[in-house]
Amino acid sequence: MSSAASAIDQYLAGLPEAARPHVVGVLDAVRAAIPGAEERFRYGMPAIMLDDRYAIHVAGWKRHVGIYPVSVLPEPLETEVAPYRAARDALNFLYRDPIPLELVQRVAAEMKRQRSTSS
């Protein structure tokens, strides 16, 4: 197991029991949208790399799971994520609500598309 995978596993194991399945679900949705992408542990959280410079970070907090950074997305996707925008470059999904994993996949796929056209 790579050191990044080990760090990610340790991070997930250290989450509160109630948070873990939500964070794993979001992380798996990002992985599904970007199959085969390198995984790293950056800034204290799991990161799925879009290339050597850019990543999608996933973090579990007390009441939500966050995805960072999420730039402005094309319509209608931006309108769909609007209820989850916590800051100009973050999406937060509350644990108390069902997390729209299909939306997370589409966001991740769009972020990959944006980064591959801007490189």
C-alpha atoms as a PDB file:
ATOM      1  CA  MET A   1       0.000   0.000   0.000  1.00  0.00           C
ATOM      2  CA  SER A   2       1.366   3.453  -0.903  1.00  0.00           C
ATOM      3  CA  SER A   3       1.985   6.005   1.790  1.00  0.00           C
ATOM      4  CA  ALA A   4      -0.819   8.163   0.322  1.00  0.00           C
ATOM      5  CA  ALA A   5      -3.292   5.271   0.484  1.00  0.00           C
ATOM      6  CA  SER A   6      -2.171   4.506   4.013  1.00  0.00           C
ATOM      7  CA  ALA A   7      -2.617   8.161   5.053  1.00  0.00           C
ATOM      8  CA  ILE A   8      -6.061   8.289   3.442  1.00  0.00           C
ATOM      9  CA  ASP A   9      -7.091   5.061   5.165  1.00  0.00           C
ATOM     10  CA  GLN A  10      -5.871   6.426   8.505  1.00  0.00           C
ATOM     11  CA  TYR A  11      -7.737   9.678   7.908  1.00  0.00           C
ATOM     12  CA  LEU A  12     -10.976   7.830   7.135  1.00  0.00           C
ATOM     13  CA  ALA A  13     -10.538   5.506  10.129  1.00  0.00           C
ATOM     14  CA  GLY A  14     -10.087   8.534  12.382  1.00  0.00           C
ATOM     15  CA  LEU A  15     -13.366  10.151  11.373  1.00  0.00           C
ATOM     16  CA  PRO A  16     -16.362   9.909  13.691  1.00  0.00           C
ATOM     17  CA  GLU A  17     -18.469   6.845  12.934  1.00  0.00           C
ATOM     18  CA  ALA A  18     -21.426   8.986  11.804  1.00  0.00           C
ATOM     19  CA  ALA A  19     -19.297  10.981   9.344  1.00  0.00           C
ATOM     20  CA  ARG A  20     -17.242   8.184   7.785  1.00  0.00           C
ATOM     21  CA  PRO A  21     -19.809   6.727   5.353  1.00  0.00           C
ATOM     22  CA  HIS A  22     -20.629  10.181   3.989  1.00  0.00           C
ATOM     23  CA  VAL A  23     -16.991  11.089   3.406  1.00  0.00           C
ATOM     24  CA  VAL A  24     -16.260   7.692   1.853  1.00  0.00           C
ATOM     25  CA  GLY A  25     -19.326   8.053  -0.403  1.00  0.00           C
ATOM     26  CA  VAL A  26     -18.187  11.455  -1.687  1.00  0.00           C
ATOM     27  CA  LEU A  27     -14.608  10.258  -2.127  1.00  0.00           C
ATOM     28  CA  ASP A  28     -15.822   7.201  -4.044  1.00  0.00           C
ATOM     29  CA  ALA A  29     -18.013   9.409  -6.266  1.00  0.00           C
ATOM     30  CA  VAL A  30     -14.983  11.561  -7.140  1.00  0.00           C
ATOM     31  CA  ARG A  31     -12.930   8.429  -7.807  1.00  0.00           C
ATOM     32  CA  ALA A  32     -15.672   7.070 -10.099  1.00  0.00           C
ATOM     33  CA  ALA A  33     -15.687  10.301 -12.103  1.00  0.00           C
ATOM     34  CA  ILE A  34     -11.895  10.267 -12.507  1.00  0.00           C
ATOM     35  CA  PRO A  35     -10.915   6.590 -12.716  1.00  0.00           C
ATOM     36  CA  GLY A  36      -7.243   5.816 -12.332  1.00  0.00           C
ATOM     37  CA  ALA A  37      -6.352   9.266 -10.993  1.00  0.00           C
ATOM     38  CA  GLU A  38      -3.481   9.519  -8.551  1.00  0.00           C
ATOM     39  CA  GLU A  39      -4.494   9.869  -4.922  1.00  0.00           C
ATOM     40  CA  ARG A  40      -2.512  11.905  -2.448  1.00  0.00           C
ATOM     41  CA  PHE A  41      -2.888  13.113   1.107  1.00  0.00           C
ATOM     42  CA  ARG A  42      -2.552  16.907   0.977  1.00  0.00           C
ATOM     43  CA  TYR A  43      -3.345  19.649   3.465  1.00  0.00           C
ATOM     44  CA  GLY A  44      -4.505  17.010   5.928  1.00  0.00           C
ATOM     45  CA  MET A  45      -7.155  15.503   3.657  1.00  0.00           C
ATOM     46  CA  PRO A  46      -7.585  13.030   0.785  1.00  0.00           C
ATOM     47  CA  ALA A  47      -6.970  14.489  -2.665  1.00  0.00           C
ATOM     48  CA  ILE A  48      -7.707  13.120  -6.104  1.00  0.00           C
ATOM     49  CA  MET A  49      -5.213  14.606  -8.526  1.00  0.00           C
ATOM     50  CA  LEU A  50      -6.304  16.134 -11.809  1.00  0.00           C
ATOM     51  CA  ASP A  51      -2.670  16.500 -12.815  1.00  0.00           C
ATOM     52  CA  ASP A  52       0.468  17.323 -10.854  1.00  0.00           C
ATOM     53  CA  ARG A  53      -0.778  20.805  -9.957  1.00  0.00           C
ATOM     54  CA  TYR A  54      -4.504  20.489  -9.315  1.00  0.00           C
ATOM     55  CA  ALA A  55      -6.579  18.294  -7.049  1.00  0.00           C
ATOM     56  CA  ILE A  56     -10.035  17.772  -5.672  1.00  0.00           C
ATOM     57  CA  HIS A  57      -9.798  17.624  -1.880  1.00  0.00           C
ATOM     58  CA  VAL A  58     -12.436  15.882   0.246  1.00  0.00           C
ATOM     59  CA  ALA A  59     -12.698  16.506   3.991  1.00  0.00           C
ATOM     60  CA  GLY A  60     -15.020  15.419   6.761  1.00  0.00           C
ATOM     61  CA  TRP A  61     -16.045  17.953   9.373  1.00  0.00           C
ATOM     62  CA  LYS A  62     -18.366  17.938  12.350  1.00  0.00           C
ATOM     63  CA  ARG A  63     -21.580  18.411  10.368  1.00  0.00           C
ATOM     64  CA  HIS A  64     -20.630  18.166   6.711  1.00  0.00           C
ATOM     65  CA  VAL A  65     -18.286  16.818   4.064  1.00  0.00           C
ATOM     66  CA  GLY A  66     -16.543  19.427   1.943  1.00  0.00           C
ATOM     67  CA  ILE A  67     -15.094  19.390  -1.556  1.00  0.00           C
ATOM     68  CA  TYR A  68     -12.383  21.921  -2.412  1.00  0.00           C
ATOM     69  CA  PRO A  69     -11.618  23.835  -4.567  1.00  0.00           C
ATOM     70  CA  VAL A  70     -14.623  23.937  -6.867  1.00  0.00           C
ATOM     71  CA  SER A  71     -14.410  26.793  -9.346  1.00  0.00           C
ATOM     72  CA  VAL A  72     -17.434  28.280 -11.052  1.00  0.00           C
ATOM     73  CA  LEU A  73     -19.080  25.598 -13.150  1.00  0.00           C
ATOM     74  CA  PRO A  74     -20.958  25.963 -16.438  1.00  0.00           C
ATOM     75  CA  GLU A  75     -24.726  26.160 -16.368  1.00  0.00           C
ATOM     76  CA  PRO A  76     -26.892  24.346 -15.525  1.00  0.00           C
ATOM     77  CA  LEU A  77     -24.390  22.600 -13.236  1.00  0.00           C
ATOM     78  CA  GLU A  78     -23.618  25.783 -11.267  1.00  0.00           C
ATOM     79  CA  THR A  79     -27.315  26.248 -10.503  1.00  0.00           C
ATOM     80  CA  GLU A  80     -27.525  22.644  -9.295  1.00  0.00           C
ATOM     81  CA  VAL A  81     -24.606  23.073  -6.884  1.00  0.00           C
ATOM     82  CA  ALA A  82     -25.745  26.507  -5.659  1.00  0.00           C
ATOM     83  CA  PRO A  83     -27.493  25.099  -2.544  1.00  0.00           C
ATOM     84  CA  TYR A  84     -24.200  23.460  -1.527  1.00  0.00           C
ATOM     85  CA  ARG A  85     -21.881  26.435  -2.124  1.00  0.00           C
ATOM     86  CA  ALA A  86     -20.294  27.319   1.183  1.00  0.00           C
ATOM     87  CA  ALA A  87     -17.744  29.709  -0.244  1.00  0.00           C
ATOM     88  CA  ARG A  88     -16.755  30.809  -3.696  1.00  0.00           C
ATOM     89  CA  ASP A  89     -14.618  27.677  -4.139  1.00  0.00           C
ATOM     90  CA  ALA A  90     -16.164  25.080  -1.816  1.00  0.00           C
ATOM     91  CA  LEU A  91     -19.126  22.740  -1.707  1.00  0.00           C
ATOM     92  CA  ASN A  92     -20.463  21.464   1.617  1.00  0.00           C
ATOM     93  CA  PHE A  93     -22.880  18.563   1.985  1.00  0.00           C
ATOM     94  CA  LEU A  94     -24.582  18.229   5.376  1.00  0.00           C
ATOM     95  CA  TYR A  95     -24.595  14.756   6.904  1.00  0.00           C
ATOM     96  CA  ARG A  96     -28.237  15.142   7.913  1.00  0.00           C
ATOM     97  CA  ASP A  97     -29.312  15.353   4.253  1.00  0.00           C
ATOM     98  CA  PRO A  98     -28.916  12.773   1.501  1.00  0.00           C
ATOM     99  CA  ILE A  99     -25.743  13.572  -0.423  1.00  0.00           C
ATOM    100  CA  PRO A 100     -26.341  13.791  -4.190  1.00  0.00           C
ATOM    101  CA  LEU A 101     -23.491  11.503  -5.224  1.00  0.00           C
ATOM    102  CA  GLU A 102     -24.431  11.621  -8.909  1.00  0.00           C
ATOM    103  CA  LEU A 103     -24.064  15.426  -8.718  1.00  0.00           C
ATOM    104  CA  VAL A 104     -20.671  15.009  -7.027  1.00  0.00           C
ATOM    105  CA  GLN A 105     -19.593  12.762  -9.916  1.00  0.00           C
ATOM    106  CA  ARG A 106     -20.687  15.316 -12.495  1.00  0.00           C
ATOM    107  CA  VAL A 107     -18.879  18.110 -10.648  1.00  0.00           C
ATOM    108  CA  ALA A 108     -15.674  16.066 -10.481  1.00  0.00           C
ATOM    109  CA  ALA A 109     -15.919  15.147 -14.161  1.00  0.00           C
ATOM    110  CA  GLU A 110     -16.424  18.801 -15.093  1.00  0.00           C
ATOM    111  CA  MET A 111     -13.479  19.878 -12.952  1.00  0.00           C
ATOM    112  CA  LYS A 112     -11.317  17.307 -14.730  1.00  0.00           C
ATOM    113  CA  ARG A 113     -12.571  18.583 -18.095  1.00  0.00           C
ATOM    114  CA  GLN A 114     -11.788  22.192 -17.127  1.00  0.00           C
ATOM    115  CA  ARG A 115      -8.287  21.349 -15.940  1.00  0.00           C
ATOM    116  CA  SER A 116      -7.464  19.250 -19.001  1.00  0.00           C
ATOM    117  CA  THR A 117      -8.448  22.108 -21.330  1.00  0.00           C
ATOM    118  CA  SER A 118      -6.552  24.758 -19.313  1.00  0.00           C
ATOM    119  CA  SER A 119      -3.248  22.868 -19.038  1.00  0.00           C
END
